[in-house]
Amino acid sequence: MNKYQELIVSVVALRGDAYEIGFQQSNEVTTYAHLAQKEQLLALSTACNVQQVKELLLDCSPNLLQEIKGLAFGLEQSCETIIKMYSGYNMTFPNMGCTSFVHNGKYVRNYDFSPAMYDARLVFSKPSEGYASVGFSQQIIGRLDGMNEKGLVVGLHFVNNEWAGDGFLATTIVRILLEQCGNIEEATALINKLPHRYCYNYSMTDQSGKAIVVEATPMKRVNYVEHPLICTNHFESQQFAGRNKACIKGSKQRKNYINRYVADPRTTISVYHHFNNGDSPLFVKQYQEYFGTLHTVIYSPKQLEIVVGIGENCEPQSFSLQQFIEGKRILPKTIKGNIIQAI
């Protein structure tokens, strides 16, 4: 019989200027395992050129640099150390998996990774400069997926880390897009200007209902539109076929499964349960291999609402980004779920 472990995700509310938001998070970080992972994170970022990161962020995201400075001050660490730990620039990072599906104005997603390196934070943020947003964090300042106040939704999908260049991890790029871009057109324009560390897919939708996938390598980006949009962990374009991992069977199987599943229209909540069901082919449990489903989320761009479940067979919880922005919603401190115990 499988043994389960509880997975607890903190729900975080941030308001203020970028420096204040960084400082606020420093109080929270001390309660996490992040500082215990300091040596590991620094070992993964030995190729990080701090001065180069500062110059890049001053150009493309000065608010993010201010947040890093606030975080460094609160943690009593040098800015250089925090840049290496959390900026995601030239950092080595393990494989991960994700499945996203955009249909009828809803963005549905499973995020697959290891609980050992999962921030376990759902962050609601209202900065004084930049768009308010909600999303799951990675390495504090990054985002795995999220939605901003304009209804732009972005999620990352790891493809390959064998083709590497000087650049940011996708988590940092998703965060920058959510803070600065109001729609797909703005996001695709900005993503072409940002340096990418590895090969990733970015799945996006916005309030127009349009959905797009950006295939990104350190050298080049390619966009394509799908309806409905289904995105997993491999490139579809012919010119990037050689950048895929040697084995993409599982990624293709998940995509093909949704393609067949789409023929049967479902309500939003039934789609959620299909993604979150522990027996679903879309829910994976290889946690010891950095490939187990940690959260299921549905973003609704027009309503600015999200539905969240942690672990498997989790009763969904709903939140309104608009109510958070207006100060009308008291958020819970945590969301809890269960996953098979990683061995």
C-alpha atoms as a PDB file:
ATOM      1  CA  MET A   1       0.000   0.000   0.000  1.00  0.00           C
ATOM      2  CA  ASN A   2       1.277   3.439  -0.912  1.00  0.00           C
ATOM      3  CA  LYS A   3       2.262   5.795   1.884  1.00  0.00           C
ATOM      4  CA  TYR A   4       1.215   9.417   1.554  1.00  0.00           C
ATOM      5  CA  GLN A   5       2.799  12.590   2.836  1.00  0.00           C
ATOM      6  CA  GLU A   6       1.094  15.908   3.434  1.00  0.00           C
ATOM      7  CA  LEU A   7       2.057  18.751   1.123  1.00  0.00           C
ATOM      8  CA  ILE A   8       1.395  22.210   2.562  1.00  0.00           C
ATOM      9  CA  VAL A   9       1.434  25.277   0.318  1.00  0.00           C
ATOM     10  CA  SER A  10       1.624  28.723   1.918  1.00  0.00           C
ATOM     11  CA  VAL A  11      -0.666  31.414   0.540  1.00  0.00           C
ATOM     12  CA  VAL A  12       1.279  34.674   0.490  1.00  0.00           C
ATOM     13  CA  ALA A  13      -0.030  38.232   0.056  1.00  0.00           C
ATOM     14  CA  LEU A  14       2.474  40.929  -0.966  1.00  0.00           C
ATOM     15  CA  ARG A  15       1.833  44.659  -1.382  1.00  0.00           C
ATOM     16  CA  GLY A  16       4.150  47.642  -1.744  1.00  0.00           C
ATOM     17  CA  ASP A  17       7.055  48.762  -3.868  1.00  0.00           C
ATOM     18  CA  ALA A  18       9.544  46.216  -5.181  1.00  0.00           C
ATOM     19  CA  TYR A  19      12.067  46.710  -2.380  1.00  0.00           C
ATOM     20  CA  GLU A  20       9.355  46.379   0.281  1.00  0.00           C
ATOM     21  CA  ILE A  21       8.042  43.199  -1.348  1.00  0.00           C
ATOM     22  CA  GLY A  22      11.540  41.732  -1.286  1.00  0.00           C
ATOM     23  CA  PHE A  23      11.933  42.632   2.377  1.00  0.00           C
ATOM     24  CA  GLN A  24       8.516  41.164   3.245  1.00  0.00           C
ATOM     25  CA  GLN A  25       9.551  37.852   1.719  1.00  0.00           C
ATOM     26  CA  SER A  26      12.767  37.761   3.735  1.00  0.00           C
ATOM     27  CA  ASN A  27      10.701  37.300   6.898  1.00  0.00           C
ATOM     28  CA  GLU A  28       8.962  34.362   5.281  1.00  0.00           C
ATOM     29  CA  VAL A  29      12.042  32.734   3.762  1.00  0.00           C
ATOM     30  CA  THR A  30      13.615  32.178   7.168  1.00  0.00           C
ATOM     31  CA  THR A  31      10.772  29.754   7.964  1.00  0.00           C
ATOM     32  CA  TYR A  32      11.505  27.693   4.847  1.00  0.00           C
ATOM     33  CA  ALA A  33      14.262  25.315   3.876  1.00  0.00           C
ATOM     34  CA  HIS A  34      15.642  27.871   1.402  1.00  0.00           C
ATOM     35  CA  LEU A  35      18.434  29.057   3.647  1.00  0.00           C
ATOM     36  CA  ALA A  36      19.305  25.449   4.417  1.00  0.00           C
ATOM     37  CA  GLN A  37      19.637  25.004   0.652  1.00  0.00           C
ATOM     38  CA  LYS A  38      22.009  27.961   0.380  1.00  0.00           C
ATOM     39  CA  GLU A  39      25.112  25.921  -0.417  1.00  0.00           C
ATOM     40  CA  GLN A  40      23.213  23.791  -2.912  1.00  0.00           C
ATOM     41  CA  LEU A  41      21.796  26.832  -4.713  1.00  0.00           C
ATOM     42  CA  LEU A  42      25.182  28.532  -4.825  1.00  0.00           C
ATOM     43  CA  ALA A  43      26.744  25.344  -6.202  1.00  0.00           C
ATOM     44  CA  LEU A  44      24.134  25.322  -8.983  1.00  0.00           C
ATOM     45  CA  SER A  45      24.944  28.909  -9.944  1.00  0.00           C
ATOM     46  CA  THR A  46      28.738  28.934 -10.219  1.00  0.00           C
ATOM     47  CA  ALA A  47      28.431  30.203 -13.819  1.00  0.00           C
ATOM     48  CA  CYS A  48      26.423  33.251 -12.718  1.00  0.00           C
ATOM     49  CA  ASN A  49      28.108  36.577 -13.543  1.00  0.00           C
ATOM     50  CA  VAL A  50      26.590  38.917 -10.955  1.00  0.00           C
ATOM     51  CA  GLN A  51      27.526  42.146 -12.707  1.00  0.00           C
ATOM     52  CA  GLN A  52      26.031  40.864 -15.945  1.00  0.00           C
ATOM     53  CA  VAL A  53      22.782  39.993 -14.143  1.00  0.00           C
ATOM     54  CA  LYS A  54      22.581  43.464 -12.612  1.00  0.00           C
ATOM     55  CA  GLU A  55      23.017  45.081 -16.009  1.00  0.00           C
ATOM     56  CA  LEU A  56      20.414  42.809 -17.611  1.00  0.00           C
ATOM     57  CA  LEU A  57      17.857  43.425 -14.872  1.00  0.00           C
ATOM     58  CA  LEU A  58      18.437  47.182 -14.947  1.00  0.00           C
ATOM     59  CA  ASP A  59      17.560  47.012 -18.628  1.00  0.00           C
ATOM     60  CA  CYS A  60      14.683  44.505 -18.684  1.00  0.00           C
ATOM     61  CA  SER A  61      13.292  44.409 -15.121  1.00  0.00           C
ATOM     62  CA  PRO A  62      14.624  47.031 -12.684  1.00  0.00           C
ATOM     63  CA  ASN A  63      11.803  46.253 -10.243  1.00  0.00           C
ATOM     64  CA  LEU A  64      13.020  42.671  -9.943  1.00  0.00           C
ATOM     65  CA  LEU A  65      16.499  43.926  -9.077  1.00  0.00           C
ATOM     66  CA  GLN A  66      14.999  46.117  -6.353  1.00  0.00           C
ATOM     67  CA  GLU A  67      13.087  43.127  -4.989  1.00  0.00           C
ATOM     68  CA  ILE A  68      16.333  41.159  -4.837  1.00  0.00           C
ATOM     69  CA  LYS A  69      17.960  44.030  -2.910  1.00  0.00           C
ATOM     70  CA  GLY A  70      15.087  44.102  -0.418  1.00  0.00           C
ATOM     71  CA  LEU A  71      15.310  40.337   0.022  1.00  0.00           C
ATOM     72  CA  ALA A  72      19.076  40.545   0.544  1.00  0.00           C
ATOM     73  CA  PHE A  73      18.722  43.269   3.176  1.00  0.00           C
ATOM     74  CA  GLY A  74      16.096  41.315   5.093  1.00  0.00           C
ATOM     75  CA  LEU A  75      18.124  38.109   5.009  1.00  0.00           C
ATOM     76  CA  GLU A  76      21.337  39.941   5.950  1.00  0.00           C
ATOM     77  CA  GLN A  77      23.015  38.528   2.866  1.00  0.00           C
ATOM     78  CA  SER A  78      24.932  40.337   0.153  1.00  0.00           C
ATOM     79  CA  CYS A  79      23.036  41.285  -2.982  1.00  0.00           C
ATOM     80  CA  GLU A  80      25.572  39.226  -4.932  1.00  0.00           C
ATOM     81  CA  THR A  81      24.698  36.096  -2.931  1.00  0.00           C
ATOM     82  CA  ILE A  82      20.944  36.543  -3.410  1.00  0.00           C
ATOM     83  CA  ILE A  83      21.400  37.146  -7.143  1.00  0.00           C
ATOM     84  CA  LYS A  84      23.274  33.848  -7.400  1.00  0.00           C
ATOM     85  CA  MET A  85      20.689  31.988  -5.319  1.00  0.00           C
ATOM     86  CA  TYR A  86      17.450  33.358  -6.736  1.00  0.00           C
ATOM     87  CA  SER A  87      17.858  35.266 -10.022  1.00  0.00           C
ATOM     88  CA  GLY A  88      17.937  32.054 -12.066  1.00  0.00           C
ATOM     89  CA  TYR A  89      20.726  33.367 -14.281  1.00  0.00           C
ATOM     90  CA  ASN A  90      23.064  30.686 -15.676  1.00  0.00           C
ATOM     91  CA  MET A  91      21.797  28.267 -13.040  1.00  0.00           C
ATOM     92  CA  THR A  92      21.837  24.495 -13.423  1.00  0.00           C
ATOM     93  CA  PHE A  93      18.427  22.987 -12.718  1.00  0.00           C
ATOM     94  CA  PRO A  94      16.897  19.468 -12.865  1.00  0.00           C
ATOM     95  CA  ASN A  95      14.290  18.312 -15.374  1.00  0.00           C
ATOM     96  CA  MET A  96      10.612  18.911 -14.623  1.00  0.00           C
ATOM     97  CA  GLY A  97       7.285  18.178 -16.288  1.00  0.00           C
ATOM     98  CA  CYS A  98       4.082  20.110 -16.947  1.00  0.00           C
ATOM     99  CA  THR A  99       0.828  19.625 -18.839  1.00  0.00           C
ATOM    100  CA  SER A 100      -1.332  22.612 -19.875  1.00  0.00           C
ATOM    101  CA  PHE A 101      -4.649  22.762 -21.703  1.00  0.00           C
ATOM    102  CA  VAL A 102      -6.433  25.942 -22.843  1.00  0.00           C
ATOM    103  CA  HIS A 103     -10.067  25.489 -23.837  1.00  0.00           C
ATOM    104  CA  ASN A 104     -13.224  27.595 -23.596  1.00  0.00           C
ATOM    105  CA  GLY A 105     -11.355  30.497 -22.025  1.00  0.00           C
ATOM    106  CA  LYS A 106      -9.785  28.430 -19.221  1.00  0.00           C
ATOM    107  CA  TYR A 107      -6.110  27.560 -18.697  1.00  0.00           C
ATOM    108  CA  VAL A 108      -5.745  24.193 -16.936  1.00  0.00           C
ATOM    109  CA  ARG A 109      -2.373  22.944 -15.732  1.00  0.00           C
ATOM    110  CA  ASN A 110      -0.584  20.233 -13.783  1.00  0.00           C
ATOM    111  CA  TYR A 111       2.892  21.057 -12.534  1.00  0.00           C
ATOM    112  CA  ASP A 112       5.233  18.102 -12.013  1.00  0.00           C
ATOM    113  CA  PHE A 113       8.473  18.214 -10.029  1.00  0.00           C
ATOM    114  CA  SER A 114       9.951  17.113  -6.695  1.00  0.00           C
ATOM    115  CA  PRO A 115       8.537  18.262  -3.334  1.00  0.00           C
ATOM    116  CA  ALA A 116      12.136  18.577  -2.120  1.00  0.00           C
ATOM    117  CA  MET A 117      12.766  21.563  -4.435  1.00  0.00           C
ATOM    118  CA  TYR A 118       9.240  22.999  -4.563  1.00  0.00           C
ATOM    119  CA  ASP A 119       8.713  26.420  -2.992  1.00  0.00           C
ATOM    120  CA  ALA A 120       5.165  25.415  -1.995  1.00  0.00           C
ATOM    121  CA  ARG A 121       4.027  29.053  -2.203  1.00  0.00           C
ATOM    122  CA  LEU A 122       0.988  30.531  -3.962  1.00  0.00           C
ATOM    123  CA  VAL A 123       1.797  34.235  -4.181  1.00  0.00           C
ATOM    124  CA  PHE A 124      -0.694  37.072  -4.580  1.00  0.00           C
ATOM    125  CA  SER A 125       1.240  40.249  -5.363  1.00  0.00           C
ATOM    126  CA  LYS A 126       0.179  43.863  -5.855  1.00  0.00           C
ATOM    127  CA  PRO A 127       3.310  45.916  -6.564  1.00  0.00           C
ATOM    128  CA  SER A 128       3.128  49.696  -6.699  1.00  0.00           C
ATOM    129  CA  GLU A 129       4.785  49.458 -10.137  1.00  0.00           C
ATOM    130  CA  GLY A 130       3.849  46.654 -12.521  1.00  0.00           C
ATOM    131  CA  TYR A 131       0.785  44.437 -12.784  1.00  0.00           C
ATOM    132  CA  ALA A 132      -0.751  42.611  -9.845  1.00  0.00           C
ATOM    133  CA  SER A 133      -0.631  38.839 -10.224  1.00  0.00           C
ATOM    134  CA  VAL A 134      -1.173  35.446  -8.651  1.00  0.00           C
ATOM    135  CA  GLY A 135       1.035  32.429  -9.266  1.00  0.00           C
ATOM    136  CA  PHE A 136       3.138  29.628  -7.833  1.00  0.00           C
ATOM    137  CA  SER A 137       6.663  30.734  -6.982  1.00  0.00           C
ATOM    138  CA  GLN A 138       9.987  29.002  -7.557  1.00  0.00           C
ATOM    139  CA  GLN A 139      13.171  30.235  -5.896  1.00  0.00           C
ATOM    140  CA  ILE A 140      11.098  32.988  -4.266  1.00  0.00           C
ATOM    141  CA  ILE A 141      11.098  35.591  -7.035  1.00  0.00           C
ATOM    142  CA  GLY A 142      10.389  33.273  -9.979  1.00  0.00           C
ATOM    143  CA  ARG A 143       7.012  31.926 -11.113  1.00  0.00           C
ATOM    144  CA  LEU A 144       6.145  28.473 -12.423  1.00  0.00           C
ATOM    145  CA  ASP A 145       2.824  29.712 -13.742  1.00  0.00           C
ATOM    146  CA  GLY A 146       0.554  32.648 -13.052  1.00  0.00           C
ATOM    147  CA  MET A 147      -2.034  35.194 -14.136  1.00  0.00           C
ATOM    148  CA  ASN A 148      -1.921  38.979 -13.903  1.00  0.00           C
ATOM    149  CA  GLU A 149      -4.609  41.635 -13.501  1.00  0.00           C
ATOM    150  CA  LYS A 150      -4.896  42.084 -17.277  1.00  0.00           C
ATOM    151  CA  GLY A 151      -5.747  38.407 -17.689  1.00  0.00           C
ATOM    152  CA  LEU A 152      -2.441  37.277 -19.191  1.00  0.00           C
ATOM    153  CA  VAL A 153      -1.692  33.677 -18.159  1.00  0.00           C
ATOM    154  CA  VAL A 154       1.763  32.129 -18.637  1.00  0.00           C
ATOM    155  CA  GLY A 155       3.143  28.707 -17.714  1.00  0.00           C
ATOM    156  CA  LEU A 156       6.523  27.099 -18.348  1.00  0.00           C
ATOM    157  CA  HIS A 157       7.270  23.628 -19.725  1.00  0.00           C
ATOM    158  CA  PHE A 158      10.780  22.202 -19.474  1.00  0.00           C
ATOM    159  CA  VAL A 159      12.063  20.664 -22.730  1.00  0.00           C
ATOM    160  CA  ASN A 160      15.827  20.129 -22.549  1.00  0.00           C
ATOM    161  CA  ASN A 161      18.845  21.317 -20.550  1.00  0.00           C
ATOM    162  CA  GLU A 162      21.480  19.795 -22.825  1.00  0.00           C
ATOM    163  CA  TRP A 163      21.369  22.874 -25.069  1.00  0.00           C
ATOM    164  CA  ALA A 164      22.390  25.690 -22.736  1.00  0.00           C
ATOM    165  CA  GLY A 165      23.283  29.340 -23.177  1.00  0.00           C
ATOM    166  CA  ASP A 166      23.833  32.410 -21.029  1.00  0.00           C
ATOM    167  CA  GLY A 167      20.438  33.443 -19.723  1.00  0.00           C
ATOM    168  CA  PHE A 168      17.635  33.186 -17.174  1.00  0.00           C
ATOM    169  CA  LEU A 169      15.702  30.130 -16.096  1.00  0.00           C
ATOM    170  CA  ALA A 170      12.119  30.082 -17.351  1.00  0.00           C
ATOM    171  CA  THR A 171      10.832  30.816 -13.831  1.00  0.00           C
ATOM    172  CA  THR A 172      12.416  34.270 -13.914  1.00  0.00           C
ATOM    173  CA  ILE A 173      11.135  34.886 -17.443  1.00  0.00           C
ATOM    174  CA  VAL A 174       7.546  33.964 -16.504  1.00  0.00           C
ATOM    175  CA  ARG A 175       7.752  36.388 -13.581  1.00  0.00           C
ATOM    176  CA  ILE A 176       8.983  39.239 -15.812  1.00  0.00           C
ATOM    177  CA  LEU A 177       6.234  38.611 -18.379  1.00  0.00           C
ATOM    178  CA  LEU A 178       3.484  38.648 -15.753  1.00  0.00           C
ATOM    179  CA  GLU A 179       4.732  41.882 -14.236  1.00  0.00           C
ATOM    180  CA  GLN A 180       5.147  43.798 -17.501  1.00  0.00           C
ATOM    181  CA  CYS A 181       2.835  42.385 -20.198  1.00  0.00           C
ATOM    182  CA  GLY A 182      -0.917  42.843 -20.575  1.00  0.00           C
ATOM    183  CA  ASN A 183      -1.572  40.391 -23.403  1.00  0.00           C
ATOM    184  CA  ILE A 184      -0.056  37.701 -25.605  1.00  0.00           C
ATOM    185  CA  GLU A 185       1.293  40.171 -28.150  1.00  0.00           C
ATOM    186  CA  GLU A 186       3.265  42.079 -25.525  1.00  0.00           C
ATOM    187  CA  ALA A 187       4.487  38.847 -23.930  1.00  0.00           C
ATOM    188  CA  THR A 188       5.746  37.321 -27.182  1.00  0.00           C
ATOM    189  CA  ALA A 189       7.534  40.560 -28.050  1.00  0.00           C
ATOM    190  CA  LEU A 190       9.287  40.714 -24.674  1.00  0.00           C
ATOM    191  CA  ILE A 191      10.151  37.021 -24.504  1.00  0.00           C
ATOM    192  CA  ASN A 192      12.152  37.400 -27.717  1.00  0.00           C
ATOM    193  CA  LYS A 193      14.340  40.018 -26.030  1.00  0.00           C
ATOM    194  CA  LEU A 194      15.136  38.026 -22.881  1.00  0.00           C
ATOM    195  CA  PRO A 195      18.150  35.667 -22.728  1.00  0.00           C
ATOM    196  CA  HIS A 196      17.180  32.028 -22.111  1.00  0.00           C
ATOM    197  CA  ARG A 197      19.289  29.503 -20.221  1.00  0.00           C
ATOM    198  CA  TYR A 198      17.648  26.299 -21.514  1.00  0.00           C
ATOM    199  CA  CYS A 199      15.028  24.984 -23.950  1.00  0.00           C
ATOM    200  CA  TYR A 200      11.468  25.600 -22.760  1.00  0.00           C
ATOM    201  CA  ASN A 201       7.913  25.898 -23.990  1.00  0.00           C
ATOM    202  CA  TYR A 202       5.800  28.773 -22.714  1.00  0.00           C
ATOM    203  CA  SER A 203       2.030  28.310 -22.945  1.00  0.00           C
ATOM    204  CA  MET A 204      -0.031  31.508 -22.840  1.00  0.00           C
ATOM    205  CA  THR A 205      -3.557  32.826 -23.063  1.00  0.00           C
ATOM    206  CA  ASP A 206      -5.260  36.134 -22.285  1.00  0.00           C
ATOM    207  CA  GLN A 207      -8.690  37.752 -22.031  1.00  0.00           C
ATOM    208  CA  SER A 208      -9.147  37.667 -25.810  1.00  0.00           C
ATOM    209  CA  GLY A 209      -9.344  33.865 -25.655  1.00  0.00           C
ATOM    210  CA  LYS A 210      -6.365  33.471 -27.967  1.00  0.00           C
ATOM    211  CA  ALA A 211      -3.797  30.861 -26.933  1.00  0.00           C
ATOM    212  CA  ILE A 212      -0.217  30.444 -28.077  1.00  0.00           C
ATOM    213  CA  VAL A 213       2.889  28.359 -27.442  1.00  0.00           C
ATOM    214  CA  VAL A 214       6.341  29.920 -27.617  1.00  0.00           C
ATOM    215  CA  GLU A 215       9.082  27.374 -28.216  1.00  0.00           C
ATOM    216  CA  ALA A 216      12.288  28.879 -26.850  1.00  0.00           C
ATOM    217  CA  THR A 217      15.917  27.840 -27.122  1.00  0.00           C
ATOM    218  CA  PRO A 218      18.926  29.918 -26.052  1.00  0.00           C
ATOM    219  CA  MET A 219      19.371  30.848 -29.713  1.00  0.00           C
ATOM    220  CA  LYS A 220      15.884  31.373 -31.118  1.00  0.00           C
ATOM    221  CA  ARG A 221      12.124  31.416 -30.432  1.00  0.00           C
ATOM    222  CA  VAL A 222       9.198  30.107 -32.512  1.00  0.00           C
ATOM    223  CA  ASN A 223       5.496  30.846 -31.910  1.00  0.00           C
ATOM    224  CA  TYR A 224       2.516  28.765 -32.947  1.00  0.00           C
ATOM    225  CA  VAL A 225      -1.218  28.993 -32.274  1.00  0.00           C
ATOM    226  CA  GLU A 226      -3.327  25.972 -31.333  1.00  0.00           C
ATOM    227  CA  HIS A 227      -7.042  25.614 -30.670  1.00  0.00           C
ATOM    228  CA  PRO A 228      -7.489  24.064 -28.266  1.00  0.00           C
ATOM    229  CA  LEU A 229      -3.981  24.568 -26.943  1.00  0.00           C
ATOM    230  CA  ILE A 230      -2.248  21.523 -25.492  1.00  0.00           C
ATOM    231  CA  CYS A 231       1.335  21.875 -24.300  1.00  0.00           C
ATOM    232  CA  THR A 232       3.619  19.365 -22.605  1.00  0.00           C
ATOM    233  CA  ASN A 233       7.401  18.908 -22.589  1.00  0.00           C
ATOM    234  CA  HIS A 234       8.588  18.652 -26.177  1.00  0.00           C
ATOM    235  CA  PHE A 235       8.961  20.916 -29.191  1.00  0.00           C
ATOM    236  CA  GLU A 236       6.507  20.439 -32.068  1.00  0.00           C
ATOM    237  CA  SER A 237       8.159  22.646 -34.705  1.00  0.00           C
ATOM    238  CA  GLN A 238      10.300  20.889 -37.274  1.00  0.00           C
ATOM    239  CA  GLN A 239      13.212  23.294 -36.906  1.00  0.00           C
ATOM    240  CA  PHE A 240      13.518  22.542 -33.173  1.00  0.00           C
ATOM    241  CA  ALA A 241      12.938  18.775 -33.378  1.00  0.00           C
ATOM    242  CA  GLY A 242      16.653  18.189 -32.838  1.00  0.00           C
ATOM    243  CA  ARG A 243      16.511  20.084 -29.544  1.00  0.00           C
ATOM    244  CA  ASN A 244      14.131  17.603 -27.897  1.00  0.00           C
ATOM    245  CA  LYS A 245      15.301  15.053 -25.351  1.00  0.00           C
ATOM    246  CA  ALA A 246      16.061  11.585 -26.682  1.00  0.00           C
ATOM    247  CA  CYS A 247      12.874  10.175 -25.134  1.00  0.00           C
ATOM    248  CA  ILE A 248       9.683  12.243 -25.394  1.00  0.00           C
ATOM    249  CA  LYS A 249       7.247   9.325 -25.359  1.00  0.00           C
ATOM    250  CA  GLY A 250       5.564  10.339 -22.092  1.00  0.00           C
ATOM    251  CA  SER A 251       5.197  13.956 -23.202  1.00  0.00           C
ATOM    252  CA  LYS A 252       3.569  12.890 -26.461  1.00  0.00           C
ATOM    253  CA  GLN A 253       1.286  10.429 -24.679  1.00  0.00           C
ATOM    254  CA  ARG A 254      -0.057  13.140 -22.373  1.00  0.00           C
ATOM    255  CA  LYS A 255      -0.686  15.454 -25.319  1.00  0.00           C
ATOM    256  CA  ASN A 256      -2.393  12.732 -27.352  1.00  0.00           C
ATOM    257  CA  TYR A 257      -4.538  11.782 -24.369  1.00  0.00           C
ATOM    258  CA  ILE A 258      -5.875  15.333 -24.056  1.00  0.00           C
ATOM    259  CA  ASN A 259      -6.453  15.496 -27.805  1.00  0.00           C
ATOM    260  CA  ARG A 260      -8.791  12.519 -27.498  1.00  0.00           C
ATOM    261  CA  TYR A 261     -10.322  13.832 -24.301  1.00  0.00           C
ATOM    262  CA  VAL A 262     -11.246  17.202 -25.861  1.00  0.00           C
ATOM    263  CA  ALA A 263     -13.906  15.509 -27.989  1.00  0.00           C
ATOM    264  CA  ASP A 264     -15.951  15.159 -24.798  1.00  0.00           C
ATOM    265  CA  PRO A 265     -16.838  18.694 -23.575  1.00  0.00           C
ATOM    266  CA  ARG A 266     -16.701  19.138 -19.830  1.00  0.00           C
ATOM    267  CA  THR A 267     -17.406  21.763 -17.232  1.00  0.00           C
ATOM    268  CA  THR A 268     -14.464  23.573 -15.692  1.00  0.00           C
ATOM    269  CA  ILE A 269     -14.687  21.634 -12.454  1.00  0.00           C
ATOM    270  CA  SER A 270     -14.862  18.258 -14.211  1.00  0.00           C
ATOM    271  CA  VAL A 271     -11.729  19.166 -16.180  1.00  0.00           C
ATOM    272  CA  TYR A 272     -10.065  19.991 -12.861  1.00  0.00           C
ATOM    273  CA  HIS A 273     -10.933  16.588 -11.428  1.00  0.00           C
ATOM    274  CA  HIS A 274      -9.683  14.855 -14.564  1.00  0.00           C
ATOM    275  CA  PHE A 275      -6.289  16.534 -14.191  1.00  0.00           C
ATOM    276  CA  ASN A 276      -6.170  16.091 -10.411  1.00  0.00           C
ATOM    277  CA  ASN A 277      -7.377  12.488 -10.206  1.00  0.00           C
ATOM    278  CA  GLY A 278      -4.535  10.319  -8.958  1.00  0.00           C
ATOM    279  CA  ASP A 279      -5.483   7.619 -11.469  1.00  0.00           C
ATOM    280  CA  SER A 280      -5.465   9.979 -14.471  1.00  0.00           C
ATOM    281  CA  PRO A 281      -2.713   9.582 -17.104  1.00  0.00           C
ATOM    282  CA  LEU A 282      -2.165  13.331 -16.626  1.00  0.00           C
ATOM    283  CA  PHE A 283      -1.272  12.892 -12.941  1.00  0.00           C
ATOM    284  CA  VAL A 284       2.234  11.481 -12.524  1.00  0.00           C
ATOM    285  CA  LYS A 285       3.815  10.111  -9.362  1.00  0.00           C
ATOM    286  CA  GLN A 286       7.528   9.740 -10.059  1.00  0.00           C
ATOM    287  CA  TYR A 287       8.489  12.148  -7.288  1.00  0.00           C
ATOM    288  CA  GLN A 288      11.903  10.571  -6.684  1.00  0.00           C
ATOM    289  CA  GLU A 289      12.710  11.333 -10.340  1.00  0.00           C
ATOM    290  CA  TYR A 290      11.645  15.012 -10.096  1.00  0.00           C
ATOM    291  CA  PHE A 291       8.494  14.159 -12.018  1.00  0.00           C
ATOM    292  CA  GLY A 292       5.472  14.016  -9.726  1.00  0.00           C
ATOM    293  CA  THR A 293       2.384  16.228  -9.886  1.00  0.00           C
ATOM    294  CA  LEU A 294       2.448  18.837  -7.114  1.00  0.00           C
ATOM    295  CA  HIS A 295      -0.374  21.195  -8.031  1.00  0.00           C
ATOM    296  CA  THR A 296      -3.339  21.479 -10.356  1.00  0.00           C
ATOM    297  CA  VAL A 297      -4.535  24.965 -11.234  1.00  0.00           C
ATOM    298  CA  ILE A 298      -7.169  26.531 -13.474  1.00  0.00           C
ATOM    299  CA  TYR A 299      -6.769  30.188 -14.422  1.00  0.00           C
ATOM    300  CA  SER A 300      -9.833  32.043 -15.751  1.00  0.00           C
ATOM    301  CA  PRO A 301      -8.544  35.227 -17.459  1.00  0.00           C
ATOM    302  CA  LYS A 302     -11.898  36.913 -18.049  1.00  0.00           C
ATOM    303  CA  GLN A 303     -13.084  36.427 -14.479  1.00  0.00           C
ATOM    304  CA  LEU A 304      -9.590  36.814 -12.932  1.00  0.00           C
ATOM    305  CA  GLU A 305     -10.288  33.716 -10.863  1.00  0.00           C
ATOM    306  CA  ILE A 306      -8.253  30.613 -10.099  1.00  0.00           C
ATOM    307  CA  VAL A 307      -9.077  27.111  -8.885  1.00  0.00           C
ATOM    308  CA  VAL A 308      -6.288  25.314  -7.017  1.00  0.00           C
ATOM    309  CA  GLY A 309      -5.636  21.802  -5.766  1.00  0.00           C
ATOM    310  CA  ILE A 310      -2.499  20.536  -4.030  1.00  0.00           C
ATOM    311  CA  GLY A 311      -1.474  16.920  -4.509  1.00  0.00           C
ATOM    312  CA  GLU A 312      -3.913  14.310  -5.766  1.00  0.00           C
ATOM    313  CA  ASN A 313      -7.701  14.009  -5.410  1.00  0.00           C
ATOM    314  CA  CYS A 314      -7.785  17.377  -3.672  1.00  0.00           C
ATOM    315  CA  GLU A 315     -10.985  19.312  -3.094  1.00  0.00           C
ATOM    316  CA  PRO A 316     -10.525  22.433  -5.241  1.00  0.00           C
ATOM    317  CA  GLN A 317     -10.337  25.888  -3.691  1.00  0.00           C
ATOM    318  CA  SER A 318     -11.289  29.055  -5.585  1.00  0.00           C
ATOM    319  CA  PHE A 319      -9.753  32.516  -5.319  1.00  0.00           C
ATOM    320  CA  SER A 320     -10.369  35.865  -6.990  1.00  0.00           C
ATOM    321  CA  LEU A 321      -7.391  37.969  -8.026  1.00  0.00           C
ATOM    322  CA  GLN A 322      -9.737  40.931  -8.452  1.00  0.00           C
ATOM    323  CA  GLN A 323     -10.962  40.644  -4.867  1.00  0.00           C
ATOM    324  CA  PHE A 324      -7.365  40.511  -3.646  1.00  0.00           C
ATOM    325  CA  ILE A 325      -6.518  43.650  -5.627  1.00  0.00           C
ATOM    326  CA  GLU A 326      -9.521  45.446  -4.117  1.00  0.00           C
ATOM    327  CA  GLY A 327      -8.732  44.193  -0.612  1.00  0.00           C
ATOM    328  CA  LYS A 328     -12.035  42.326  -0.363  1.00  0.00           C
ATOM    329  CA  ARG A 329     -10.706  38.801   0.195  1.00  0.00           C
ATOM    330  CA  ILE A 330      -9.039  37.398   3.273  1.00  0.00           C
ATOM    331  CA  LEU A 331      -6.738  34.658   2.065  1.00  0.00           C
ATOM    332  CA  PRO A 332      -6.144  31.408   3.955  1.00  0.00           C
ATOM    333  CA  LYS A 333      -2.672  30.862   5.360  1.00  0.00           C
ATOM    334  CA  THR A 334      -2.207  27.488   3.681  1.00  0.00           C
ATOM    335  CA  ILE A 335      -3.638  24.990   1.208  1.00  0.00           C
ATOM    336  CA  LYS A 336      -3.048  21.327   2.004  1.00  0.00           C
ATOM    337  CA  GLY A 337      -2.994  18.137  -0.023  1.00  0.00           C
ATOM    338  CA  ASN A 338      -1.424  14.699  -0.173  1.00  0.00           C
ATOM    339  CA  ILE A 339       1.100  13.041  -2.467  1.00  0.00           C
ATOM    340  CA  ILE A 340       2.658   9.595  -2.504  1.00  0.00           C
ATOM    341  CA  GLN A 341       5.676   9.629  -0.240  1.00  0.00           C
ATOM    342  CA  ALA A 342       8.869  10.099  -2.227  1.00  0.00           C
ATOM    343  CA  ILE A 343      11.369   7.338  -1.542  1.00  0.00           C
END
